[in-house]
C-alpha atoms as a PDB file:
ATOM      1  CA  MET A   1       0.000   0.000   0.000  1.00  0.00           C
ATOM      2  CA  LYS A   2       2.823   2.397   0.892  1.00  0.00           C
ATOM      3  CA  LYS A   3       4.489   1.681  -2.444  1.00  0.00           C
ATOM      4  CA  ILE A   4       1.269   2.505  -4.262  1.00  0.00           C
ATOM      5  CA  VAL A   5       0.934   5.786  -2.343  1.00  0.00           C
ATOM      6  CA  LYS A   6       4.554   6.687  -3.097  1.00  0.00           C
ATOM      7  CA  LYS A   7       4.046   5.958  -6.779  1.00  0.00           C
ATOM      8  CA  LEU A   8       0.911   8.084  -6.836  1.00  0.00           C
ATOM      9  CA  ILE A   9       2.784  10.947  -5.175  1.00  0.00           C
ATOM     10  CA  LEU A  10       5.686  10.488  -7.558  1.00  0.00           C
ATOM     11  CA  TYR A  11       3.423  10.549 -10.600  1.00  0.00           C
ATOM     12  CA  CYS A  12       1.188  13.352  -9.331  1.00  0.00           C
ATOM     13  CA  LEU A  13       3.910  15.646  -7.976  1.00  0.00           C
ATOM     14  CA  PRO A  14       5.041  17.067 -11.335  1.00  0.00           C
ATOM     15  CA  PHE A  15       1.425  17.778 -12.264  1.00  0.00           C
ATOM     16  CA  LEU A  16       0.732  19.427  -8.905  1.00  0.00           C
ATOM     17  CA  VAL A  17       3.864  21.570  -9.217  1.00  0.00           C
ATOM     18  CA  LEU A  18       2.869  22.572 -12.738  1.00  0.00           C
ATOM     19  CA  LEU A  19      -0.676  23.356 -11.617  1.00  0.00           C
ATOM     20  CA  GLY A  20       0.675  25.405  -8.686  1.00  0.00           C
ATOM     21  CA  MET A  21       2.840  27.455 -11.032  1.00  0.00           C
ATOM     22  CA  PHE A  22      -0.160  27.983 -13.322  1.00  0.00           C
ATOM     23  CA  VAL A  23      -2.293  29.248 -10.432  1.00  0.00           C
ATOM     24  CA  ALA A  24       0.529  31.516  -9.266  1.00  0.00           C
ATOM     25  CA  PHE A  25       1.138  33.146 -12.635  1.00  0.00           C
ATOM     26  CA  GLU A  26      -2.061  32.944 -14.717  1.00  0.00           C
ATOM     27  CA  PRO A  27      -3.009  36.567 -15.469  1.00  0.00           C
ATOM     28  CA  TYR A  28      -6.677  36.335 -14.421  1.00  0.00           C
ATOM     29  CA  ASP A  29      -6.310  35.549 -10.689  1.00  0.00           C
ATOM     30  CA  TYR A  30      -9.090  33.077 -11.428  1.00  0.00           C
ATOM     31  CA  PHE A  31      -9.132  31.538  -7.943  1.00  0.00           C
ATOM     32  CA  GLY A  32      -8.896  34.870  -6.097  1.00  0.00           C
ATOM     33  CA  LEU A  33      -5.712  33.861  -4.280  1.00  0.00           C
ATOM     34  CA  ARG A  34      -3.839  37.057  -5.178  1.00  0.00           C
ATOM     35  CA  GLY A  35      -6.459  39.501  -3.953  1.00  0.00           C
ATOM     36  CA  GLY A  36      -7.880  40.335  -7.370  1.00  0.00           C
ATOM     37  CA  GLU A  37      -4.483  40.966  -8.961  1.00  0.00           C
ATOM     38  CA  SER A  38      -5.260  40.474 -12.645  1.00  0.00           C
ATOM     39  CA  GLU A  39      -4.160  42.053 -15.888  1.00  0.00           C
ATOM     40  CA  TYR A  40      -6.382  44.787 -17.308  1.00  0.00           C
ATOM     41  CA  LEU A  41      -6.890  42.915 -20.584  1.00  0.00           C
ATOM     42  CA  CYS A  42      -8.263  39.950 -18.598  1.00  0.00           C
ATOM     43  CA  LYS A  43     -11.026  42.005 -17.032  1.00  0.00           C
ATOM     44  CA  PRO A  44     -14.150  40.321 -18.452  1.00  0.00           C
ATOM     45  CA  LEU A  45     -13.332  36.897 -17.042  1.00  0.00           C
ATOM     46  CA  SER A  46     -11.529  38.045 -13.897  1.00  0.00           C
ATOM     47  CA  SER A  47     -14.396  40.419 -13.034  1.00  0.00           C
ATOM     48  CA  VAL A  48     -17.021  37.677 -13.358  1.00  0.00           C
ATOM     49  CA  ARG A  49     -14.856  35.482 -11.136  1.00  0.00           C
ATOM     50  CA  GLU A  50     -14.642  38.306  -8.575  1.00  0.00           C
ATOM     51  CA  LEU A  51     -18.426  38.529  -8.691  1.00  0.00           C
ATOM     52  CA  LEU A  52     -18.766  34.796  -7.972  1.00  0.00           C
ATOM     53  CA  ILE A  53     -16.162  34.831  -5.197  1.00  0.00           C
ATOM     54  CA  ASN A  54     -16.910  38.097  -3.375  1.00  0.00           C
ATOM     55  CA  HIS A  55     -20.628  38.707  -4.116  1.00  0.00           C
ATOM     56  CA  PRO A  56     -20.295  42.523  -4.236  1.00  0.00           C
ATOM     57  CA  GLU A  57     -23.194  44.832  -3.416  1.00  0.00           C
ATOM     58  CA  ASN A  58     -22.074  47.663  -5.714  1.00  0.00           C
ATOM     59  CA  ILE A  59     -21.065  47.110  -9.327  1.00  0.00           C
ATOM     60  CA  VAL A  60     -19.910  49.268 -12.226  1.00  0.00           C
ATOM     61  CA  LEU A  61     -20.749  48.429 -15.839  1.00  0.00           C
ATOM     62  CA  GLY A  62     -19.445  50.037 -19.015  1.00  0.00           C
ATOM     63  CA  ASP A  63     -16.827  49.952 -21.753  1.00  0.00           C
ATOM     64  CA  SER A  64     -13.154  50.940 -21.486  1.00  0.00           C
ATOM     65  CA  ARG A  65     -13.924  54.468 -20.303  1.00  0.00           C
ATOM     66  CA  MET A  66     -15.664  53.124 -17.214  1.00  0.00           C
ATOM     67  CA  ALA A  67     -13.238  50.196 -16.880  1.00  0.00           C
ATOM     68  CA  ASN A  68     -10.367  52.716 -16.784  1.00  0.00           C
ATOM     69  CA  LEU A  69     -11.702  54.178 -13.526  1.00  0.00           C
ATOM     70  CA  ASN A  70      -9.766  53.134 -10.442  1.00  0.00           C
ATOM     71  CA  MET A  71     -12.077  51.305  -8.020  1.00  0.00           C
ATOM     72  CA  ASP A  72      -9.762  51.797  -5.040  1.00  0.00           C
ATOM     73  CA  LEU A  73     -10.000  55.550  -5.571  1.00  0.00           C
ATOM     74  CA  ALA A  74     -13.767  55.272  -6.016  1.00  0.00           C
ATOM     75  CA  GLU A  75     -14.016  53.539  -2.629  1.00  0.00           C
ATOM     76  CA  GLU A  76     -11.732  56.095  -0.990  1.00  0.00           C
ATOM     77  CA  ILE A  77     -13.830  58.971  -2.328  1.00  0.00           C
ATOM     78  CA  SER A  78     -17.306  57.490  -1.785  1.00  0.00           C
ATOM     79  CA  GLY A  79     -16.718  55.293   1.245  1.00  0.00           C
ATOM     80  CA  GLU A  80     -18.313  52.363  -0.603  1.00  0.00           C
ATOM     81  CA  PRO A  81     -16.514  49.412  -2.265  1.00  0.00           C
ATOM     82  CA  TYR A  82     -17.264  48.814  -5.944  1.00  0.00           C
ATOM     83  CA  THR A  83     -16.533  45.900  -8.264  1.00  0.00           C
ATOM     84  CA  MET A  84     -15.795  46.715 -11.900  1.00  0.00           C
ATOM     85  CA  LEU A  85     -17.673  44.496 -14.340  1.00  0.00           C
ATOM     86  CA  GLY A  86     -17.031  46.756 -17.331  1.00  0.00           C
ATOM     87  CA  PHE A  87     -14.326  46.018 -19.883  1.00  0.00           C
ATOM     88  CA  GLY A  88     -12.794  47.406 -23.051  1.00  0.00           C
ATOM     89  CA  GLY A  89     -15.046  47.195 -26.095  1.00  0.00           C
ATOM     90  CA  ALA A  90     -18.111  46.151 -24.094  1.00  0.00           C
ATOM     91  CA  GLN A  91     -21.384  46.536 -25.984  1.00  0.00           C
ATOM     92  CA  THR A  92     -24.552  47.648 -24.225  1.00  0.00           C
ATOM     93  CA  GLY A  93     -26.152  44.244 -24.864  1.00  0.00           C
ATOM     94  CA  GLU A  94     -23.230  42.529 -23.135  1.00  0.00           C
ATOM     95  CA  LEU A  95     -23.546  44.863 -20.143  1.00  0.00           C
ATOM     96  CA  ILE A  96     -27.258  44.119 -19.857  1.00  0.00           C
ATOM     97  CA  GLU A  97     -26.415  40.398 -19.869  1.00  0.00           C
ATOM     98  CA  LEU A  98     -23.819  40.952 -17.132  1.00  0.00           C
ATOM     99  CA  PHE A  99     -26.334  42.873 -15.033  1.00  0.00           C
ATOM    100  CA  TRP A 100     -28.841  40.010 -15.105  1.00  0.00           C
ATOM    101  CA  TYR A 101     -26.092  37.524 -14.322  1.00  0.00           C
ATOM    102  CA  ALA A 102     -25.064  39.635 -11.326  1.00  0.00           C
ATOM    103  CA  THR A 103     -28.632  39.653  -9.993  1.00  0.00           C
ATOM    104  CA  GLU A 104     -28.505  35.846  -9.878  1.00  0.00           C
ATOM    105  CA  HIS A 105     -25.297  35.694  -7.849  1.00  0.00           C
ATOM    106  CA  THR A 106     -25.312  38.601  -5.419  1.00  0.00           C
ATOM    107  CA  GLU A 107     -27.609  40.977  -3.518  1.00  0.00           C
ATOM    108  CA  LEU A 108     -27.104  44.255  -5.338  1.00  0.00           C
ATOM    109  CA  LYS A 109     -27.468  47.649  -3.691  1.00  0.00           C
ATOM    110  CA  LYS A 110     -26.129  49.992  -6.372  1.00  0.00           C
ATOM    111  CA  VAL A 111     -25.411  49.816 -10.107  1.00  0.00           C
ATOM    112  CA  VAL A 112     -23.360  52.444 -11.940  1.00  0.00           C
ATOM    113  CA  PHE A 113     -24.143  51.794 -15.604  1.00  0.00           C
ATOM    114  CA  GLY A 114     -21.886  53.475 -18.180  1.00  0.00           C
ATOM    115  CA  ILE A 115     -23.478  53.795 -21.597  1.00  0.00           C
ATOM    116  CA  ASN A 116     -22.683  55.564 -24.858  1.00  0.00           C
ATOM    117  CA  LEU A 117     -23.851  55.883 -28.422  1.00  0.00           C
ATOM    118  CA  TYR A 118     -20.842  54.131 -29.958  1.00  0.00           C
ATOM    119  CA  SER A 119     -21.558  50.802 -28.265  1.00  0.00           C
ATOM    120  CA  THR A 120     -25.369  50.996 -28.374  1.00  0.00           C
ATOM    121  CA  ILE A 121     -25.907  51.274 -32.138  1.00  0.00           C
ATOM    122  CA  ASP A 122     -27.588  48.417 -34.049  1.00  0.00           C
ATOM    123  CA  GLU A 123     -28.324  44.892 -32.763  1.00  0.00           C
ATOM    124  CA  GLN A 124     -27.385  44.279 -29.136  1.00  0.00           C
ATOM    125  CA  GLY A 125     -27.111  40.684 -27.975  1.00  0.00           C
ATOM    126  CA  PRO A 126     -25.247  38.853 -25.181  1.00  0.00           C
ATOM    127  CA  GLY A 127     -22.108  38.721 -27.343  1.00  0.00           C
ATOM    128  CA  ARG A 128     -19.105  37.272 -25.526  1.00  0.00           C
ATOM    129  CA  ILE A 129     -20.755  36.990 -22.117  1.00  0.00           C
ATOM    130  CA  PRO A 130     -22.056  33.387 -22.356  1.00  0.00           C
ATOM    131  CA  SER A 131     -18.561  32.151 -23.234  1.00  0.00           C
ATOM    132  CA  ILE A 132     -17.020  34.180 -20.400  1.00  0.00           C
ATOM    133  CA  ILE A 133     -19.591  32.839 -17.933  1.00  0.00           C
ATOM    134  CA  GLU A 134     -18.962  29.270 -19.080  1.00  0.00           C
ATOM    135  CA  GLN A 135     -15.265  29.600 -18.241  1.00  0.00           C
ATOM    136  CA  ALA A 136     -15.962  31.494 -15.017  1.00  0.00           C
ATOM    137  CA  GLU A 137     -18.229  28.718 -13.734  1.00  0.00           C
ATOM    138  CA  ASP A 138     -16.077  25.792 -14.878  1.00  0.00           C
ATOM    139  CA  PRO A 139     -12.519  25.718 -13.452  1.00  0.00           C
ATOM    140  CA  ALA A 140     -11.651  22.650 -15.552  1.00  0.00           C
ATOM    141  CA  HIS A 141     -12.611  24.521 -18.718  1.00  0.00           C
ATOM    142  CA  PHE A 142     -10.394  27.405 -17.622  1.00  0.00           C
ATOM    143  CA  ILE A 143      -7.400  25.253 -16.653  1.00  0.00           C
ATOM    144  CA  LEU A 144      -7.503  23.242 -19.877  1.00  0.00           C
ATOM    145  CA  HIS A 145      -7.542  26.360 -22.060  1.00  0.00           C
ATOM    146  CA  ALA A 146      -4.193  26.481 -23.910  1.00  0.00           C
ATOM    147  CA  GLY A 147      -4.280  30.272 -24.223  1.00  0.00           C
ATOM    148  CA  HIS A 148      -4.382  30.694 -20.450  1.00  0.00           C
ATOM    149  CA  TRP A 149      -1.283  28.493 -20.073  1.00  0.00           C
ATOM    150  CA  LEU A 150       0.546  30.663 -22.584  1.00  0.00           C
ATOM    151  CA  GLY A 151      -0.496  33.720 -20.581  1.00  0.00           C
ATOM    152  CA  ALA A 152       0.807  32.121 -17.379  1.00  0.00           C
ATOM    153  CA  ILE A 153       4.140  31.240 -19.018  1.00  0.00           C
ATOM    154  CA  ASN A 154       4.530  34.773 -20.328  1.00  0.00           C
ATOM    155  CA  ALA A 155       3.672  36.258 -16.921  1.00  0.00           C
ATOM    156  CA  ALA A 156       6.181  33.997 -15.166  1.00  0.00           C
ATOM    157  CA  LYS A 157       8.904  34.853 -17.683  1.00  0.00           C
ATOM    158  CA  THR A 158       8.230  38.575 -17.310  1.00  0.00           C
ATOM    159  CA  LYS A 159       8.305  38.511 -13.513  1.00  0.00           C
ATOM    160  CA  ILE A 160      11.522  36.498 -13.431  1.00  0.00           C
ATOM    161  CA  MET A 161      13.181  38.811 -15.969  1.00  0.00           C
ATOM    162  CA  ASN A 162      12.078  41.884 -14.033  1.00  0.00           C
ATOM    163  CA  ARG A 163      13.423  40.404 -10.787  1.00  0.00           C
ATOM    164  CA  VAL A 164      16.809  39.731 -12.388  1.00  0.00           C
ATOM    165  CA  TRP A 165      16.854  43.117 -14.116  1.00  0.00           C
ATOM    166  CA  THR A 166      16.055  45.103 -10.956  1.00  0.00           C
ATOM    167  CA  SER A 167      18.587  43.079  -8.923  1.00  0.00           C
ATOM    168  CA  LEU A 168      21.234  44.406 -11.303  1.00  0.00           C
ATOM    169  CA  GLY A 169      20.242  47.972 -10.457  1.00  0.00           C
ATOM    170  CA  HIS A 170      18.132  48.697 -13.526  1.00  0.00           C
ATOM    171  CA  PRO A 171      14.529  50.000 -13.491  1.00  0.00           C
ATOM    172  CA  GLU A 172      11.777  47.469 -14.013  1.00  0.00           C
ATOM    173  CA  ARG A 173      10.978  46.586 -17.606  1.00  0.00           C
ATOM    174  CA  MET A 174       7.284  46.774 -18.448  1.00  0.00           C
ATOM    175  CA  THR A 175       6.402  44.074 -20.947  1.00  0.00           C
ATOM    176  CA  PHE A 176       2.700  43.814 -20.067  1.00  0.00           C
ATOM    177  CA  PRO A 177       0.175  46.249 -21.591  1.00  0.00           C
ATOM    178  CA  GLU A 178      -0.043  49.308 -19.381  1.00  0.00           C
ATOM    179  CA  ASP A 179      -2.881  49.190 -16.867  1.00  0.00           C
ATOM    180  CA  PRO A 180      -4.999  52.330 -17.474  1.00  0.00           C
ATOM    181  CA  THR A 181      -6.398  52.106 -13.937  1.00  0.00           C
ATOM    182  CA  ASP A 182      -2.913  52.567 -12.444  1.00  0.00           C
ATOM    183  CA  TYR A 183      -2.766  56.341 -12.147  1.00  0.00           C
ATOM    184  CA  SER A 184       0.773  56.288 -10.732  1.00  0.00           C
ATOM    185  CA  ARG A 185       2.132  55.724 -14.241  1.00  0.00           C
ATOM    186  CA  VAL A 186       2.331  58.769 -16.506  1.00  0.00           C
ATOM    187  CA  GLN A 187       1.056  58.031 -19.983  1.00  0.00           C
ATOM    188  CA  ASN A 188       2.846  59.354 -23.028  1.00  0.00           C
ATOM    189  CA  ILE A 189      -0.029  61.558 -24.069  1.00  0.00           C
ATOM    190  CA  PRO A 190       0.408  63.211 -27.445  1.00  0.00           C
ATOM    191  CA  GLN A 191       1.285  66.639 -26.004  1.00  0.00           C
ATOM    192  CA  GLU A 192       4.338  65.154 -24.284  1.00  0.00           C
ATOM    193  CA  MET A 193       5.529  63.738 -27.580  1.00  0.00           C
ATOM    194  CA  GLY A 194       5.283  67.129 -29.235  1.00  0.00           C
ATOM    195  CA  GLU A 195       2.473  65.985 -31.536  1.00  0.00           C
ATOM    196  CA  LYS A 196      -1.069  67.146 -32.093  1.00  0.00           C
ATOM    197  CA  TYR A 197      -3.442  66.729 -29.148  1.00  0.00           C
ATOM    198  CA  ARG A 198      -4.684  63.437 -30.502  1.00  0.00           C
ATOM    199  CA  LEU A 199      -3.142  60.560 -32.417  1.00  0.00           C
ATOM    200  CA  ASN A 200      -4.304  59.870 -35.962  1.00  0.00           C
ATOM    201  CA  LEU A 201      -7.328  62.142 -35.751  1.00  0.00           C
ATOM    202  CA  GLU A 202      -8.540  61.676 -39.310  1.00  0.00           C
ATOM    203  CA  GLU A 203      -7.930  57.942 -39.181  1.00  0.00           C
ATOM    204  CA  TYR A 204      -9.945  57.804 -35.950  1.00  0.00           C
ATOM    205  CA  ARG A 205     -12.825  59.735 -37.494  1.00  0.00           C
ATOM    206  CA  ASP A 206     -12.853  57.426 -40.521  1.00  0.00           C
ATOM    207  CA  LEU A 207     -12.956  54.422 -38.195  1.00  0.00           C
ATOM    208  CA  ILE A 208     -15.965  55.830 -36.365  1.00  0.00           C
ATOM    209  CA  ARG A 209     -17.722  56.558 -39.643  1.00  0.00           C
ATOM    210  CA  SER A 210     -17.114  53.015 -40.880  1.00  0.00           C
ATOM    211  CA  ASN A 211     -18.229  51.427 -37.596  1.00  0.00           C
ATOM    212  CA  PHE A 212     -21.459  53.429 -37.481  1.00  0.00           C
ATOM    213  CA  GLY A 213     -22.332  52.463 -41.044  1.00  0.00           C
ATOM    214  CA  GLU A 214     -24.703  54.202 -43.406  1.00  0.00           C
ATOM    215  CA  SER A 215     -27.792  54.307 -41.198  1.00  0.00           C
ATOM    216  CA  PRO A 216     -26.829  54.010 -37.525  1.00  0.00           C
ATOM    217  CA  VAL A 217     -29.839  53.319 -35.325  1.00  0.00           C
ATOM    218  CA  VAL A 218     -30.372  52.721 -31.625  1.00  0.00           C
ATOM    219  CA  ARG A 219     -33.014  50.025 -31.657  1.00  0.00           C
ATOM    220  CA  GLN A 220     -36.035  50.466 -29.429  1.00  0.00           C
ATOM    221  CA  GLU A 221     -35.651  46.870 -28.253  1.00  0.00           C
ATOM    222  CA  THR A 222     -32.295  47.863 -26.721  1.00  0.00           C
ATOM    223  CA  VAL A 223     -33.889  50.813 -24.942  1.00  0.00           C
ATOM    224  CA  ASP A 224     -36.686  48.532 -23.736  1.00  0.00           C
ATOM    225  CA  LYS A 225     -34.114  46.120 -22.273  1.00  0.00           C
ATOM    226  CA  LEU A 226     -32.495  49.009 -20.396  1.00  0.00           C
ATOM    227  CA  ILE A 227     -35.925  50.050 -19.116  1.00  0.00           C
ATOM    228  CA  GLU A 228     -36.432  46.478 -17.846  1.00  0.00           C
ATOM    229  CA  VAL A 229     -33.140  46.787 -15.945  1.00  0.00           C
ATOM    230  CA  VAL A 230     -34.360  50.001 -14.298  1.00  0.00           C
ATOM    231  CA  GLU A 231     -37.746  48.481 -13.464  1.00  0.00           C
ATOM    232  CA  TYR A 232     -36.050  45.490 -11.830  1.00  0.00           C
ATOM    233  CA  CYS A 233     -33.845  47.809  -9.770  1.00  0.00           C
ATOM    234  CA  ASP A 234     -36.845  49.880  -8.655  1.00  0.00           C
ATOM    235  CA  ALA A 235     -38.777  46.744  -7.688  1.00  0.00           C
ATOM    236  CA  ASN A 236     -35.863  45.336  -5.670  1.00  0.00           C
ATOM    237  CA  GLY A 237     -34.580  48.450  -3.901  1.00  0.00           C
ATOM    238  CA  ILE A 238     -31.434  48.712  -6.034  1.00  0.00           C
ATOM    239  CA  GLU A 239     -30.061  52.169  -6.732  1.00  0.00           C
ATOM    240  CA  ILE A 240     -29.107  52.640 -10.391  1.00  0.00           C
ATOM    241  CA  VAL A 241     -27.491  55.586 -12.153  1.00  0.00           C
ATOM    242  CA  PHE A 242     -26.571  55.896 -15.822  1.00  0.00           C
ATOM    243  CA  VAL A 243     -23.272  57.547 -16.699  1.00  0.00           C
ATOM    244  CA  TYR A 244     -22.547  59.024 -20.123  1.00  0.00           C
ATOM    245  CA  PRO A 245     -18.745  59.497 -20.206  1.00  0.00           C
ATOM    246  CA  PRO A 246     -17.198  62.597 -21.821  1.00  0.00           C
ATOM    247  CA  ILE A 247     -16.197  62.733 -25.477  1.00  0.00           C
ATOM    248  CA  HIS A 248     -13.915  65.306 -27.072  1.00  0.00           C
ATOM    249  CA  ILE A 249     -15.716  68.150 -28.832  1.00  0.00           C
ATOM    250  CA  SER A 250     -14.450  66.943 -32.218  1.00  0.00           C
ATOM    251  CA  ILE A 251     -16.240  63.604 -31.717  1.00  0.00           C
ATOM    252  CA  TYR A 252     -19.399  65.451 -30.724  1.00  0.00           C
ATOM    253  CA  GLU A 253     -19.112  67.516 -33.892  1.00  0.00           C
ATOM    254  CA  LEU A 254     -18.589  64.330 -35.884  1.00  0.00           C
ATOM    255  CA  TYR A 255     -21.827  62.968 -34.401  1.00  0.00           C
ATOM    256  CA  GLU A 256     -23.514  66.164 -35.594  1.00  0.00           C
ATOM    257  CA  GLU A 257     -21.931  65.753 -39.024  1.00  0.00           C
ATOM    258  CA  LEU A 258     -23.217  62.176 -39.248  1.00  0.00           C
ATOM    259  CA  ASP A 259     -26.640  63.321 -38.039  1.00  0.00           C
ATOM    260  CA  ILE A 260     -26.778  60.731 -35.276  1.00  0.00           C
ATOM    261  CA  LEU A 261     -27.144  62.856 -32.137  1.00  0.00           C
ATOM    262  CA  LYS A 262     -30.872  62.164 -32.298  1.00  0.00           C
ATOM    263  CA  GLU A 263     -29.995  58.497 -31.743  1.00  0.00           C
ATOM    264  CA  ALA A 264     -28.272  59.364 -28.465  1.00  0.00           C
ATOM    265  CA  GLU A 265     -31.286  61.384 -27.389  1.00  0.00           C
ATOM    266  CA  LYS A 266     -33.513  58.412 -28.226  1.00  0.00           C
ATOM    267  CA  TYR A 267     -32.272  56.382 -25.272  1.00  0.00           C
ATOM    268  CA  LYS A 268     -31.092  59.243 -23.064  1.00  0.00           C
ATOM    269  CA  GLY A 269     -34.507  60.895 -23.100  1.00  0.00           C
ATOM    270  CA  GLN A 270     -36.351  57.707 -22.154  1.00  0.00           C
ATOM    271  CA  LEU A 271     -33.861  56.724 -19.454  1.00  0.00           C
ATOM    272  CA  ARG A 272     -33.767  60.211 -17.911  1.00  0.00           C
ATOM    273  CA  GLU A 273     -37.483  59.893 -17.204  1.00  0.00           C
ATOM    274  CA  ILE A 274     -37.045  56.791 -15.043  1.00  0.00           C
ATOM    275  CA  ALA A 275     -33.488  56.800 -13.617  1.00  0.00           C
ATOM    276  CA  PRO A 276     -30.840  59.251 -12.387  1.00  0.00           C
ATOM    277  CA  SER A 277     -28.131  60.151 -14.875  1.00  0.00           C
ATOM    278  CA  ILE A 278     -24.656  61.698 -14.842  1.00  0.00           C
ATOM    279  CA  ASP A 279     -24.073  63.144 -18.296  1.00  0.00           C
ATOM    280  CA  PHE A 280     -20.700  64.428 -19.541  1.00  0.00           C
ATOM    281  CA  GLU A 281     -21.541  63.934 -23.214  1.00  0.00           C
ATOM    282  CA  PHE A 282     -22.171  67.518 -24.358  1.00  0.00           C
ATOM    283  CA  PRO A 283     -20.062  70.548 -25.439  1.00  0.00           C
ATOM    284  CA  ASN A 284     -18.479  72.305 -22.449  1.00  0.00           C
ATOM    285  CA  SER A 285     -15.127  73.670 -21.285  1.00  0.00           C
ATOM    286  CA  PHE A 286     -13.952  70.190 -20.272  1.00  0.00           C
ATOM    287  CA  THR A 287     -14.725  68.530 -23.605  1.00  0.00           C
ATOM    288  CA  GLU A 288     -13.207  71.472 -25.492  1.00  0.00           C
ATOM    289  CA  ASN A 289      -9.885  71.186 -23.643  1.00  0.00           C
ATOM    290  CA  ASP A 290      -7.408  69.081 -25.657  1.00  0.00           C
ATOM    291  CA  ASP A 291      -5.322  68.406 -22.532  1.00  0.00           C
ATOM    292  CA  ASN A 292      -8.209  66.425 -21.033  1.00  0.00           C
ATOM    293  CA  PHE A 293      -8.133  63.751 -23.734  1.00  0.00           C
ATOM    294  CA  TYR A 294      -5.727  61.044 -24.776  1.00  0.00           C
ATOM    295  CA  ASP A 295      -7.867  60.450 -27.838  1.00  0.00           C
ATOM    296  CA  GLY A 296     -11.438  61.314 -28.758  1.00  0.00           C
ATOM    297  CA  TYR A 297     -12.928  59.074 -26.074  1.00  0.00           C
ATOM    298  CA  HIS A 298     -10.257  58.326 -23.457  1.00  0.00           C
ATOM    299  CA  LEU A 299      -8.682  60.492 -20.775  1.00  0.00           C
ATOM    300  CA  PRO A 300      -5.038  60.603 -19.659  1.00  0.00           C
ATOM    301  CA  ASN A 301      -4.173  59.432 -16.144  1.00  0.00           C
ATOM    302  CA  THR A 302      -3.803  63.013 -14.956  1.00  0.00           C
ATOM    303  CA  VAL A 303      -7.517  63.632 -15.571  1.00  0.00           C
ATOM    304  CA  LYS A 304      -9.104  60.290 -14.619  1.00  0.00           C
ATOM    305  CA  PRO A 305      -9.153  60.956 -10.839  1.00  0.00           C
ATOM    306  CA  TYR A 306     -11.342  64.012 -11.466  1.00  0.00           C
ATOM    307  CA  LEU A 307     -13.788  61.881 -13.445  1.00  0.00           C
ATOM    308  CA  VAL A 308     -13.869  59.317 -10.612  1.00  0.00           C
ATOM    309  CA  GLU A 309     -14.694  62.117  -8.175  1.00  0.00           C
ATOM    310  CA  LEU A 310     -17.525  63.428 -10.362  1.00  0.00           C
ATOM    311  CA  VAL A 311     -19.031  59.965 -10.886  1.00  0.00           C
ATOM    312  CA  PHE A 312     -18.839  58.723  -7.294  1.00  0.00           C
ATOM    313  CA  THR A 313     -19.736  61.933  -5.427  1.00  0.00           C
ATOM    314  CA  ASP A 314     -22.257  64.733  -5.919  1.00  0.00           C
ATOM    315  CA  LEU A 315     -19.548  67.301  -6.649  1.00  0.00           C
ATOM    316  CA  PRO A 316     -21.073  70.028  -8.854  1.00  0.00           C
ATOM    317  CA  ALA A 317     -19.203  70.971 -12.023  1.00  0.00           C
ATOM    318  CA  GLU A 318     -19.884  72.819 -15.269  1.00  0.00           C
ATOM    319  CA  CYS A 319     -18.923  69.738 -17.271  1.00  0.00           C
ATOM    320  CA  VAL A 320     -21.589  67.427 -15.841  1.00  0.00           C
ATOM    321  CA  ARG A 321     -25.374  67.405 -15.972  1.00  0.00           C
ATOM    322  CA  ARG A 322     -27.042  65.466 -13.179  1.00  0.00           C
ATOM    323  CA  THR A 323     -30.700  64.597 -13.601  1.00  0.00           C
ATOM    324  CA  THR A 324     -33.169  62.810 -11.351  1.00  0.00           C
ATOM    325  CA  PRO A 325     -36.609  61.678 -12.561  1.00  0.00           C
END
């Protein structure tokens, strides 16, 4: 019997060591053993895992502009902890799906729902969320995913290289994509590089034109789904607020040029009647200031703390319109 046990240990040990290294270095912090330390680009899956592990009462939904907000700073300012469920490129349909998933796995008290025209146009379905949920609920599925092993190997290599490099007296080498929620790092915004206030402005405008298509429309069925979210929150004592993040004045003017501002008003007007809103998406001194934008939609790290303060407190400002039904 002892020989059998020894053989089992001998055969299993390499696998257990390998699995331990995977858990230590996989970039998602899937099992929550590193206190939520995950890479920014892993947010969709790591955030759903945080939801399942910690059952937060307050959640934030949105695309990259909401996901770029630092939740530690939000807690410091508001006195309430928040879990970020938003992620880069999130569509409104995906955020609605995440909201309903959250209602099944935690007792919500507050929802901060970031929404914008760019990600609300045309058909809105669950998108990537079912696949993300499948991995979040099935550890075996996650562990057997080859891409996650490659991510773990790359993370381990990077950390080892950085440890060796810093031990030799050199500054740490950043080989991971920069985390836009880490405000301690100064981004190379275009002004610092001596270029125009925004990178590839015309190229960016052409991209927006092509993504919106010939006849961009916010479908009423999408607005109706958002109304259902509000009605559920009202019926269950959940506070909800919609946030419309700022866009640079040139993007606003492009919306005018494309004659699609009426599409934004289509959902904004209906939602304003039933839920509080925090709206930055209009011409004002903030949106007209080139220094406040990294590109047409995103803010540099120097400005993001101010946006966090405006979203998570009642601080009055000329650049924000707060409405309550």
